[in-house]
């Protein structure tokens, strides 16, 4: 069954992009994986920078606004990645059926 993967980028108009594939090793799937990894790494750096700005009592409004803007962008990226991965986990669960945990 072919699934739709929410990609970690949008169209120039801001609309979501999807990939229709069953191959997690396709070139576009691997590119999306790389973009997600880069976005997560960037988010870690933005978080560290934002914490540093917030810890600096002398940080001015411009620095705080910059840190908050970057943090909001990173949060948007992370939420998009979470939605994409959550949808793929649900599709995997649908294909394999209920898990056998032994707890009823």
PDB file of N, CA and C in Angstrom:
ATOM      1  N   UNK A   1       0.847  -1.176   0.000  1.00  0.00           N
ATOM      2  CA  UNK A   1       0.000   0.000   0.000  1.00  0.00           C
ATOM      3  C   UNK A   1       0.893   1.240   0.000  1.00  0.00           C
ATOM      4  N   UNK A   2       0.643   2.132  -0.918  1.00  0.00           N
ATOM      5  CA  UNK A   2       1.398   3.370  -1.009  1.00  0.00           C
ATOM      6  C   UNK A   2       0.905   4.351   0.044  1.00  0.00           C
ATOM      7  N   UNK A   3       1.837   5.003   0.714  1.00  0.00           N
ATOM      8  CA  UNK A   3       1.489   5.980   1.737  1.00  0.00           C
ATOM      9  C   UNK A   3       1.945   7.363   1.303  1.00  0.00           C
ATOM     10  N   UNK A   4       1.356   8.363   1.905  1.00  0.00           N
ATOM     11  CA  UNK A   4       1.771   9.739   1.670  1.00  0.00           C
ATOM     12  C   UNK A   4       2.618  10.196   2.849  1.00  0.00           C
ATOM     13  N   UNK A   5       3.809  10.648   2.541  1.00  0.00           N
ATOM     14  CA  UNK A   5       4.710  11.166   3.573  1.00  0.00           C
ATOM     15  C   UNK A   5       4.703  12.687   3.502  1.00  0.00           C
ATOM     16  N   UNK A   6       4.421  13.319   4.635  1.00  0.00           N
ATOM     17  CA  UNK A   6       4.521  14.770   4.728  1.00  0.00           C
ATOM     18  C   UNK A   6       6.000  15.131   4.694  1.00  0.00           C
ATOM     19  N   UNK A   7       6.382  15.943   3.726  1.00  0.00           N
ATOM     20  CA  UNK A   7       7.786  16.305   3.567  1.00  0.00           C
ATOM     21  C   UNK A   7       8.142  17.510   4.443  1.00  0.00           C
ATOM     22  N   UNK A   8       9.415  17.662   4.778  1.00  0.00           N
ATOM     23  CA  UNK A   8       9.815  18.739   5.691  1.00  0.00           C
ATOM     24  C   UNK A   8       9.980  20.100   5.015  1.00  0.00           C
ATOM     25  N   UNK A   9       9.319  20.299   3.895  1.00  0.00           N
ATOM     26  CA  UNK A   9       9.336  21.598   3.215  1.00  0.00           C
ATOM     27  C   UNK A   9       7.958  21.847   2.625  1.00  0.00           C
ATOM     28  N   UNK A  10       7.734  23.074   2.219  1.00  0.00           N
ATOM     29  CA  UNK A  10       6.447  23.458   1.643  1.00  0.00           C
ATOM     30  C   UNK A  10       6.665  24.027   0.245  1.00  0.00           C
ATOM     31  N   UNK A  11       5.556  24.257  -0.439  1.00  0.00           N
ATOM     32  CA  UNK A  11       5.620  24.926  -1.736  1.00  0.00           C
ATOM     33  C   UNK A  11       5.959  26.398  -1.499  1.00  0.00           C
ATOM     34  N   UNK A  12       6.297  27.139  -2.548  1.00  0.00           N
ATOM     35  CA  UNK A  12       6.545  28.581  -2.372  1.00  0.00           C
ATOM     36  C   UNK A  12       5.340  29.323  -1.779  1.00  0.00           C
ATOM     37  N   UNK A  13       4.143  28.761  -1.958  1.00  0.00           N
ATOM     38  CA  UNK A  13       2.930  29.374  -1.404  1.00  0.00           C
ATOM     39  C   UNK A  13       2.673  28.935   0.032  1.00  0.00           C
ATOM     40  N   UNK A  14       3.536  28.081   0.584  1.00  0.00           N
ATOM     41  CA  UNK A  14       3.375  27.623   1.958  1.00  0.00           C
ATOM     42  C   UNK A  14       2.496  26.399   2.121  1.00  0.00           C
ATOM     43  N   UNK A  15       2.130  25.755   1.026  1.00  0.00           N
ATOM     44  CA  UNK A  15       1.284  24.560   1.099  1.00  0.00           C
ATOM     45  C   UNK A  15       2.148  23.329   1.366  1.00  0.00           C
ATOM     46  N   UNK A  16       1.584  22.323   2.047  1.00  0.00           N
ATOM     47  CA  UNK A  16       2.371  21.130   2.354  1.00  0.00           C
ATOM     48  C   UNK A  16       2.732  20.342   1.101  1.00  0.00           C
ATOM     49  N   UNK A  17       3.865  19.677   1.170  1.00  0.00           N
ATOM     50  CA  UNK A  17       4.312  18.777   0.101  1.00  0.00           C
ATOM     51  C   UNK A  17       4.270  17.355   0.635  1.00  0.00           C
ATOM     52  N   UNK A  18       3.850  16.434  -0.206  1.00  0.00           N
ATOM     53  CA  UNK A  18       3.770  15.026   0.169  1.00  0.00           C
ATOM     54  C   UNK A  18       4.517  14.183  -0.848  1.00  0.00           C
ATOM     55  N   UNK A  19       5.022  13.054  -0.374  1.00  0.00           N
ATOM     56  CA  UNK A  19       5.680  12.078  -1.229  1.00  0.00           C
ATOM     57  C   UNK A  19       4.870  10.797  -1.175  1.00  0.00           C
ATOM     58  N   UNK A  20       4.506  10.279  -2.331  1.00  0.00           N
ATOM     59  CA  UNK A  20       3.771   9.023  -2.419  1.00  0.00           C
ATOM     60  C   UNK A  20       4.756   7.918  -2.775  1.00  0.00           C
ATOM     61  N   UNK A  21       5.064   7.078  -1.790  1.00  0.00           N
ATOM     62  CA  UNK A  21       6.019   5.999  -2.028  1.00  0.00           C
ATOM     63  C   UNK A  21       5.898   4.916  -0.965  1.00  0.00           C
ATOM     64  N   UNK A  22       6.316   3.729  -1.331  1.00  0.00           N
ATOM     65  CA  UNK A  22       6.467   2.633  -0.378  1.00  0.00           C
ATOM     66  C   UNK A  22       7.938   2.363  -0.105  1.00  0.00           C
ATOM     67  N   UNK A  23       8.808   3.122  -0.759  1.00  0.00           N
ATOM     68  CA  UNK A  23      10.240   2.878  -0.672  1.00  0.00           C
ATOM     69  C   UNK A  23      10.904   3.923   0.220  1.00  0.00           C
ATOM     70  N   UNK A  24      11.221   3.537   1.454  1.00  0.00           N
ATOM     71  CA  UNK A  24      11.882   4.454   2.381  1.00  0.00           C
ATOM     72  C   UNK A  24      13.321   4.750   1.975  1.00  0.00           C
ATOM     73  N   UNK A  25      13.825   4.034   0.979  1.00  0.00           N
ATOM     74  CA  UNK A  25      15.196   4.221   0.512  1.00  0.00           C
ATOM     75  C   UNK A  25      15.252   4.968  -0.822  1.00  0.00           C
ATOM     76  N   UNK A  26      14.129   5.505  -1.281  1.00  0.00           N
ATOM     77  CA  UNK A  26      14.140   6.262  -2.537  1.00  0.00           C
ATOM     78  C   UNK A  26      14.962   7.535  -2.352  1.00  0.00           C
ATOM     79  N   UNK A  27      15.413   8.098  -3.453  1.00  0.00           N
ATOM     80  CA  UNK A  27      16.250   9.302  -3.378  1.00  0.00           C
ATOM     81  C   UNK A  27      15.528  10.438  -2.662  1.00  0.00           C
ATOM     82  N   UNK A  28      14.239  10.616  -2.954  1.00  0.00           N
ATOM     83  CA  UNK A  28      13.502  11.701  -2.319  1.00  0.00           C
ATOM     84  C   UNK A  28      13.251  11.414  -0.836  1.00  0.00           C
ATOM     85  N   UNK A  29      13.004  10.152  -0.498  1.00  0.00           N
ATOM     86  CA  UNK A  29      12.839   9.793   0.917  1.00  0.00           C
ATOM     87  C   UNK A  29      14.119  10.069   1.694  1.00  0.00           C
ATOM     88  N   UNK A  30      15.254   9.693   1.111  1.00  0.00           N
ATOM     89  CA  UNK A  30      16.539   9.916   1.778  1.00  0.00           C
ATOM     90  C   UNK A  30      16.852  11.407   1.891  1.00  0.00           C
ATOM     91  N   UNK A  31      16.488  12.177   0.864  1.00  0.00           N
ATOM     92  CA  UNK A  31      16.671  13.629   0.929  1.00  0.00           C
ATOM     93  C   UNK A  31      15.825  14.214   2.059  1.00  0.00           C
ATOM     94  N   UNK A  32      14.578  13.764   2.160  1.00  0.00           N
ATOM     95  CA  UNK A  32      13.696  14.243   3.231  1.00  0.00           C
ATOM     96  C   UNK A  32      14.274  13.879   4.598  1.00  0.00           C
ATOM     97  N   UNK A  33      14.826  12.671   4.727  1.00  0.00           N
ATOM     98  CA  UNK A  33      15.469  12.268   5.983  1.00  0.00           C
ATOM     99  C   UNK A  33      16.623  13.206   6.323  1.00  0.00           C
ATOM    100  N   UNK A  34      17.437  13.532   5.313  1.00  0.00           N
ATOM    101  CA  UNK A  34      18.575  14.433   5.527  1.00  0.00           C
ATOM    102  C   UNK A  34      18.119  15.831   5.930  1.00  0.00           C
ATOM    103  N   UNK A  35      17.065  16.328   5.290  1.00  0.00           N
ATOM    104  CA  UNK A  35      16.545  17.659   5.629  1.00  0.00           C
ATOM    105  C   UNK A  35      16.001  17.655   7.054  1.00  0.00           C
ATOM    106  N   UNK A  36      15.270  16.606   7.425  1.00  0.00           N
ATOM    107  CA  UNK A  36      14.757  16.509   8.794  1.00  0.00           C
ATOM    108  C   UNK A  36      15.900  16.501   9.802  1.00  0.00           C
ATOM    109  N   UNK A  37      16.945  15.727   9.523  1.00  0.00           N
ATOM    110  CA  UNK A  37      18.091  15.663  10.434  1.00  0.00           C
ATOM    111  C   UNK A  37      18.743  17.038  10.575  1.00  0.00           C
ATOM    112  N   UNK A  38      18.880  17.749   9.467  1.00  0.00           N
ATOM    113  CA  UNK A  38      19.471  19.090   9.509  1.00  0.00           C
ATOM    114  C   UNK A  38      18.586  20.052  10.302  1.00  0.00           C
ATOM    115  N   UNK A  39      17.271  19.945  10.118  1.00  0.00           N
ATOM    116  CA  UNK A  39      16.353  20.815  10.854  1.00  0.00           C
ATOM    117  C   UNK A  39      16.413  20.528  12.356  1.00  0.00           C
ATOM    118  N   UNK A  40      16.494  19.256  12.727  1.00  0.00           N
ATOM    119  CA  UNK A  40      16.585  18.910  14.145  1.00  0.00           C
ATOM    120  C   UNK A  40      17.898  19.410  14.745  1.00  0.00           C
ATOM    121  N   UNK A  41      18.988  19.256  14.007  1.00  0.00           N
ATOM    122  CA  UNK A  41      20.285  19.751  14.484  1.00  0.00           C
ATOM    123  C   UNK A  41      20.246  21.272  14.639  1.00  0.00           C
ATOM    124  N   UNK A  42      19.679  21.942  13.668  1.00  0.00           N
ATOM    125  CA  UNK A  42      19.544  23.399  13.740  1.00  0.00           C
ATOM    126  C   UNK A  42      18.701  23.797  14.945  1.00  0.00           C
ATOM    127  N   UNK A  43      17.642  23.036  15.199  1.00  0.00           N
ATOM    128  CA  UNK A  43      16.791  23.311  16.353  1.00  0.00           C
ATOM    129  C   UNK A  43      17.550  23.207  17.666  1.00  0.00           C
ATOM    130  N   UNK A  44      18.457  22.234  17.758  1.00  0.00           N
ATOM    131  CA  UNK A  44      19.285  22.101  18.962  1.00  0.00           C
ATOM    132  C   UNK A  44      20.171  23.332  19.142  1.00  0.00           C
ATOM    133  N   UNK A  45      20.741  23.807  18.051  1.00  0.00           N
ATOM    134  CA  UNK A  45      21.598  24.993  18.117  1.00  0.00           C
ATOM    135  C   UNK A  45      20.791  26.240  18.467  1.00  0.00           C
ATOM    136  N   UNK A  46      19.610  26.364  17.890  1.00  0.00           N
ATOM    137  CA  UNK A  46      18.746  27.513  18.186  1.00  0.00           C
ATOM    138  C   UNK A  46      18.339  27.494  19.651  1.00  0.00           C
ATOM    139  N   UNK A  47      18.002  26.319  20.172  1.00  0.00           N
ATOM    140  CA  UNK A  47      17.616  26.206  21.577  1.00  0.00           C
ATOM    141  C   UNK A  47      18.763  26.636  22.486  1.00  0.00           C
ATOM    142  N   UNK A  48      19.965  26.173  22.186  1.00  0.00           N
ATOM    143  CA  UNK A  48      21.124  26.564  22.997  1.00  0.00           C
ATOM    144  C   UNK A  48      21.337  28.080  22.940  1.00  0.00           C
ATOM    145  N   UNK A  49      21.207  28.653  21.755  1.00  0.00           N
ATOM    146  CA  UNK A  49      21.368  30.101  21.616  1.00  0.00           C
ATOM    147  C   UNK A  49      20.291  30.876  22.350  1.00  0.00           C
ATOM    148  N   UNK A  50      19.057  30.398  22.261  1.00  0.00           N
ATOM    149  CA  UNK A  50      17.949  31.074  22.944  1.00  0.00           C
ATOM    150  C   UNK A  50      18.135  31.023  24.457  1.00  0.00           C
ATOM    151  N   UNK A  51      18.586  29.877  24.966  1.00  0.00           N
ATOM    152  CA  UNK A  51      18.841  29.767  26.406  1.00  0.00           C
ATOM    153  C   UNK A  51      19.933  30.739  26.839  1.00  0.00           C
ATOM    154  N   UNK A  52      20.956  30.881  26.004  1.00  0.00           N
ATOM    155  CA  UNK A  52      22.042  31.807  26.329  1.00  0.00           C
ATOM    156  C   UNK A  52      21.540  33.246  26.358  1.00  0.00           C
ATOM    157  N   UNK A  53      20.712  33.610  25.400  1.00  0.00           N
ATOM    158  CA  UNK A  53      20.159  34.969  25.374  1.00  0.00           C
ATOM    159  C   UNK A  53      19.292  35.205  26.606  1.00  0.00           C
ATOM    160  N   UNK A  54      18.456  34.235  26.944  1.00  0.00           N
ATOM    161  CA  UNK A  54      17.576  34.395  28.105  1.00  0.00           C
ATOM    162  C   UNK A  54      18.360  34.457  29.413  1.00  0.00           C
ATOM    163  N   UNK A  55      19.504  33.790  29.459  1.00  0.00           N
ATOM    164  CA  UNK A  55      20.327  33.802  30.670  1.00  0.00           C
ATOM    165  C   UNK A  55      21.119  35.100  30.821  1.00  0.00           C
ATOM    166  N   UNK A  56      21.222  35.859  29.753  1.00  0.00           N
ATOM    167  CA  UNK A  56      21.983  37.112  29.761  1.00  0.00           C
ATOM    168  C   UNK A  56      21.062  38.265  30.151  1.00  0.00           C
ATOM    169  N   UNK A  57      21.225  38.746  31.364  1.00  0.00           N
ATOM    170  CA  UNK A  57      20.371  39.833  31.856  1.00  0.00           C
ATOM    171  C   UNK A  57      20.550  41.115  31.046  1.00  0.00           C
ATOM    172  N   UNK A  58      21.658  41.222  30.337  1.00  0.00           N
ATOM    173  CA  UNK A  58      21.932  42.429  29.552  1.00  0.00           C
ATOM    174  C   UNK A  58      21.487  42.307  28.094  1.00  0.00           C
ATOM    175  N   UNK A  59      20.905  41.178  27.739  1.00  0.00           N
ATOM    176  CA  UNK A  59      20.451  40.991  26.351  1.00  0.00           C
ATOM    177  C   UNK A  59      19.360  42.007  26.037  1.00  0.00           C
ATOM    178  N   UNK A  60      19.502  42.655  24.921  1.00  0.00           N
ATOM    179  CA  UNK A  60      18.536  43.673  24.532  1.00  0.00           C
ATOM    180  C   UNK A  60      17.327  43.079  23.824  1.00  0.00           C
ATOM    181  N   UNK A  61      16.375  43.949  23.566  1.00  0.00           N
ATOM    182  CA  UNK A  61      15.138  43.520  22.907  1.00  0.00           C
ATOM    183  C   UNK A  61      15.427  42.882  21.552  1.00  0.00           C
ATOM    184  N   UNK A  62      16.343  43.446  20.810  1.00  0.00           N
ATOM    185  CA  UNK A  62      16.658  42.918  19.474  1.00  0.00           C
ATOM    186  C   UNK A  62      17.169  41.477  19.555  1.00  0.00           C
ATOM    187  N   UNK A  63      18.046  41.196  20.517  1.00  0.00           N
ATOM    188  CA  UNK A  63      18.580  39.841  20.682  1.00  0.00           C
ATOM    189  C   UNK A  63      17.482  38.867  21.100  1.00  0.00           C
ATOM    190  N   UNK A  64      16.627  39.308  22.001  1.00  0.00           N
ATOM    191  CA  UNK A  64      15.535  38.442  22.463  1.00  0.00           C
ATOM    192  C   UNK A  64      14.557  38.168  21.323  1.00  0.00           C
ATOM    193  N   UNK A  65      14.215  39.193  20.565  1.00  0.00           N
ATOM    194  CA  UNK A  65      13.295  39.009  19.431  1.00  0.00           C
ATOM    195  C   UNK A  65      13.904  38.072  18.391  1.00  0.00           C
ATOM    196  N   UNK A  66      15.192  38.226  18.116  1.00  0.00           N
ATOM    197  CA  UNK A  66      15.864  37.353  17.157  1.00  0.00           C
ATOM    198  C   UNK A  66      15.822  35.904  17.646  1.00  0.00           C
ATOM    199  N   UNK A  67      16.166  35.691  18.918  1.00  0.00           N
ATOM    200  CA  UNK A  67      16.169  34.338  19.479  1.00  0.00           C
ATOM    201  C   UNK A  67      14.771  33.728  19.443  1.00  0.00           C
ATOM    202  N   UNK A  68      13.766  34.516  19.778  1.00  0.00           N
ATOM    203  CA  UNK A  68      12.395  34.013  19.776  1.00  0.00           C
ATOM    204  C   UNK A  68      11.919  33.709  18.359  1.00  0.00           C
ATOM    205  N   UNK A  69      12.283  34.539  17.409  1.00  0.00           N
ATOM    206  CA  UNK A  69      11.906  34.297  16.011  1.00  0.00           C
ATOM    207  C   UNK A  69      12.513  32.993  15.519  1.00  0.00           C
ATOM    208  N   UNK A  70      13.807  32.796  15.779  1.00  0.00           N
ATOM    209  CA  UNK A  70      14.470  31.556  15.346  1.00  0.00           C
ATOM    210  C   UNK A  70      13.873  30.347  16.073  1.00  0.00           C
ATOM    211  N   UNK A  71      13.566  30.506  17.370  1.00  0.00           N
ATOM    212  CA  UNK A  71      12.978  29.404  18.133  1.00  0.00           C
ATOM    213  C   UNK A  71      11.601  29.034  17.583  1.00  0.00           C
ATOM    214  N   UNK A  72      10.811  30.033  17.207  1.00  0.00           N
ATOM    215  CA  UNK A  72       9.486  29.767  16.629  1.00  0.00           C
ATOM    216  C   UNK A  72       9.617  29.035  15.297  1.00  0.00           C
ATOM    217  N   UNK A  73      10.578  29.437  14.475  1.00  0.00           N
ATOM    218  CA  UNK A  73      10.805  28.745  13.199  1.00  0.00           C
ATOM    219  C   UNK A  73      11.206  27.291  13.432  1.00  0.00           C
ATOM    220  N   UNK A  74      12.106  27.083  14.380  1.00  0.00           N
ATOM    221  CA  UNK A  74      12.560  25.725  14.676  1.00  0.00           C
ATOM    222  C   UNK A  74      11.435  24.873  15.245  1.00  0.00           C
ATOM    223  N   UNK A  75      10.611  25.467  16.092  1.00  0.00           N
ATOM    224  CA  UNK A  75       9.476  24.729  16.642  1.00  0.00           C
ATOM    225  C   UNK A  75       8.530  24.303  15.527  1.00  0.00           C
ATOM    226  N   UNK A  76       8.289  25.176  14.571  1.00  0.00           N
ATOM    227  CA  UNK A  76       7.455  24.812  13.418  1.00  0.00           C
ATOM    228  C   UNK A  76       8.033  23.627  12.660  1.00  0.00           C
ATOM    229  N   UNK A  77       9.352  23.644  12.450  1.00  0.00           N
ATOM    230  CA  UNK A  77      10.010  22.523  11.767  1.00  0.00           C
ATOM    231  C   UNK A  77       9.848  21.230  12.553  1.00  0.00           C
ATOM    232  N   UNK A  78      10.088  21.300  13.861  1.00  0.00           N
ATOM    233  CA  UNK A  78      10.013  20.104  14.702  1.00  0.00           C
ATOM    234  C   UNK A  78       8.591  19.550  14.744  1.00  0.00           C
ATOM    235  N   UNK A  79       7.596  20.418  14.827  1.00  0.00           N
ATOM    236  CA  UNK A  79       6.205  19.951  14.835  1.00  0.00           C
ATOM    237  C   UNK A  79       5.837  19.286  13.512  1.00  0.00           C
ATOM    238  N   UNK A  80       6.332  19.811  12.408  1.00  0.00           N
ATOM    239  CA  UNK A  80       6.086  19.216  11.088  1.00  0.00           C
ATOM    240  C   UNK A  80       6.733  17.827  11.012  1.00  0.00           C
ATOM    241  N   UNK A  81       7.963  17.711  11.509  1.00  0.00           N
ATOM    242  CA  UNK A  81       8.654  16.418  11.527  1.00  0.00           C
ATOM    243  C   UNK A  81       7.886  15.431  12.403  1.00  0.00           C
ATOM    244  N   UNK A  82       7.433  15.878  13.565  1.00  0.00           N
ATOM    245  CA  UNK A  82       6.677  15.000  14.462  1.00  0.00           C
ATOM    246  C   UNK A  82       5.384  14.524  13.807  1.00  0.00           C
ATOM    247  N   UNK A  83       4.686  15.417  13.126  1.00  0.00           N
ATOM    248  CA  UNK A  83       3.449  15.030  12.437  1.00  0.00           C
ATOM    249  C   UNK A  83       3.742  14.005  11.343  1.00  0.00           C
ATOM    250  N   UNK A  84       4.800  14.231  10.597  1.00  0.00           N
ATOM    251  CA  UNK A  84       5.163  13.311   9.522  1.00  0.00           C
ATOM    252  C   UNK A  84       5.521  11.939  10.075  1.00  0.00           C
ATOM    253  N   UNK A  85       6.350  11.920  11.098  1.00  0.00           N
ATOM    254  CA  UNK A  85       6.775  10.639  11.674  1.00  0.00           C
ATOM    255  C   UNK A  85       5.621   9.938  12.375  1.00  0.00           C
ATOM    256  N   UNK A  86       4.769  10.706  13.039  1.00  0.00           N
ATOM    257  CA  UNK A  86       3.613  10.103  13.689  1.00  0.00           C
ATOM    258  C   UNK A  86       2.683   9.443  12.688  1.00  0.00           C
ATOM    259  N   UNK A  87       2.472  10.090  11.554  1.00  0.00           N
ATOM    260  CA  UNK A  87       1.615   9.512  10.514  1.00  0.00           C
ATOM    261  C   UNK A  87       2.233   8.235   9.959  1.00  0.00           C
ATOM    262  N   UNK A  88       3.555   8.223   9.806  1.00  0.00           N
ATOM    263  CA  UNK A  88       4.215   7.019   9.280  1.00  0.00           C
ATOM    264  C   UNK A  88       4.176   5.885  10.289  1.00  0.00           C
ATOM    265  N   UNK A  89       4.265   6.201  11.577  1.00  0.00           N
ATOM    266  CA  UNK A  89       4.166   5.155  12.599  1.00  0.00           C
ATOM    267  C   UNK A  89       2.767   4.555  12.570  1.00  0.00           C
ATOM    268  N   UNK A  90       1.748   5.402  12.451  1.00  0.00           N
ATOM    269  CA  UNK A  90       0.373   4.906  12.399  1.00  0.00           C
ATOM    270  C   UNK A  90       0.165   4.012  11.188  1.00  0.00           C
ATOM    271  N   UNK A  91       0.738   4.383  10.041  1.00  0.00           N
ATOM    272  CA  UNK A  91       0.598   3.560   8.841  1.00  0.00           C
ATOM    273  C   UNK A  91       1.303   2.222   9.020  1.00  0.00           C
ATOM    274  N   UNK A  92       2.450   2.218   9.680  1.00  0.00           N
ATOM    275  CA  UNK A  92       3.165   0.973   9.949  1.00  0.00           C
ATOM    276  C   UNK A  92       2.330   0.087  10.854  1.00  0.00           C
ATOM    277  N   UNK A  93       1.706   0.683  11.880  1.00  0.00           N
ATOM    278  CA  UNK A  93       0.851  -0.079  12.786  1.00  0.00           C
ATOM    279  C   UNK A  93      -0.339  -0.669  12.045  1.00  0.00           C
ATOM    280  N   UNK A  94      -0.918   0.071  11.101  1.00  0.00           N
ATOM    281  CA  UNK A  94      -2.059  -0.420  10.327  1.00  0.00           C
ATOM    282  C   UNK A  94      -1.656  -1.613   9.473  1.00  0.00           C
ATOM    283  N   UNK A  95      -0.445  -1.589   8.943  1.00  0.00           N
ATOM    284  CA  UNK A  95       0.020  -2.685   8.085  1.00  0.00           C
ATOM    285  C   UNK A  95       0.312  -3.945   8.878  1.00  0.00           C
ATOM    286  N   UNK A  96       0.875  -3.787  10.080  1.00  0.00           N
ATOM    287  CA  UNK A  96       1.297  -4.951  10.851  1.00  0.00           C
ATOM    288  C   UNK A  96       0.220  -5.452  11.796  1.00  0.00           C
ATOM    289  N   UNK A  97      -0.822  -4.676  12.000  1.00  0.00           N
ATOM    290  CA  UNK A  97      -1.889  -5.086  12.895  1.00  0.00           C
ATOM    291  C   UNK A  97      -1.565  -4.723  14.328  1.00  0.00           C
ATOM    292  N   UNK A  98      -2.438  -5.096  15.250  1.00  0.00           N
ATOM    293  CA  UNK A  98      -2.221  -4.754  16.654  1.00  0.00           C
ATOM    294  C   UNK A  98      -0.976  -5.450  17.189  1.00  0.00           C
ATOM    295  N   UNK A  99      -0.294  -4.759  18.106  1.00  0.00           N
ATOM    296  CA  UNK A  99       0.904  -5.359  18.695  1.00  0.00           C
ATOM    297  C   UNK A  99       0.501  -6.446  19.672  1.00  0.00           C
ATOM    298  N   UNK A 100       1.363  -7.400  19.826  1.00  0.00           N
ATOM    299  CA  UNK A 100       1.131  -8.520  20.733  1.00  0.00           C
ATOM    300  C   UNK A 100       1.905  -8.271  22.016  1.00  0.00           C
ATOM    301  N   UNK A 101       1.334  -7.496  22.925  1.00  0.00           N
ATOM    302  CA  UNK A 101       2.025  -7.166  24.167  1.00  0.00           C
ATOM    303  C   UNK A 101       1.731  -8.175  25.263  1.00  0.00           C
ATOM    304  N   UNK A 102       0.687  -8.953  25.093  1.00  0.00           N
ATOM    305  CA  UNK A 102       0.332  -9.921  26.111  1.00  0.00           C
ATOM    306  C   UNK A 102      -0.515  -9.319  27.221  1.00  0.00           C
ATOM    307  N   UNK A 103      -0.734  -8.029  27.193  1.00  0.00           N
ATOM    308  CA  UNK A 103      -1.538  -7.361  28.218  1.00  0.00           C
ATOM    309  C   UNK A 103      -2.916  -7.091  27.648  1.00  0.00           C
ATOM    310  N   UNK A 104      -3.913  -7.715  28.198  1.00  0.00           N
ATOM    311  CA  UNK A 104      -5.299  -7.493  27.754  1.00  0.00           C
ATOM    312  C   UNK A 104      -6.111  -6.933  28.876  1.00  0.00           C
TER     313      UNK A 104
END
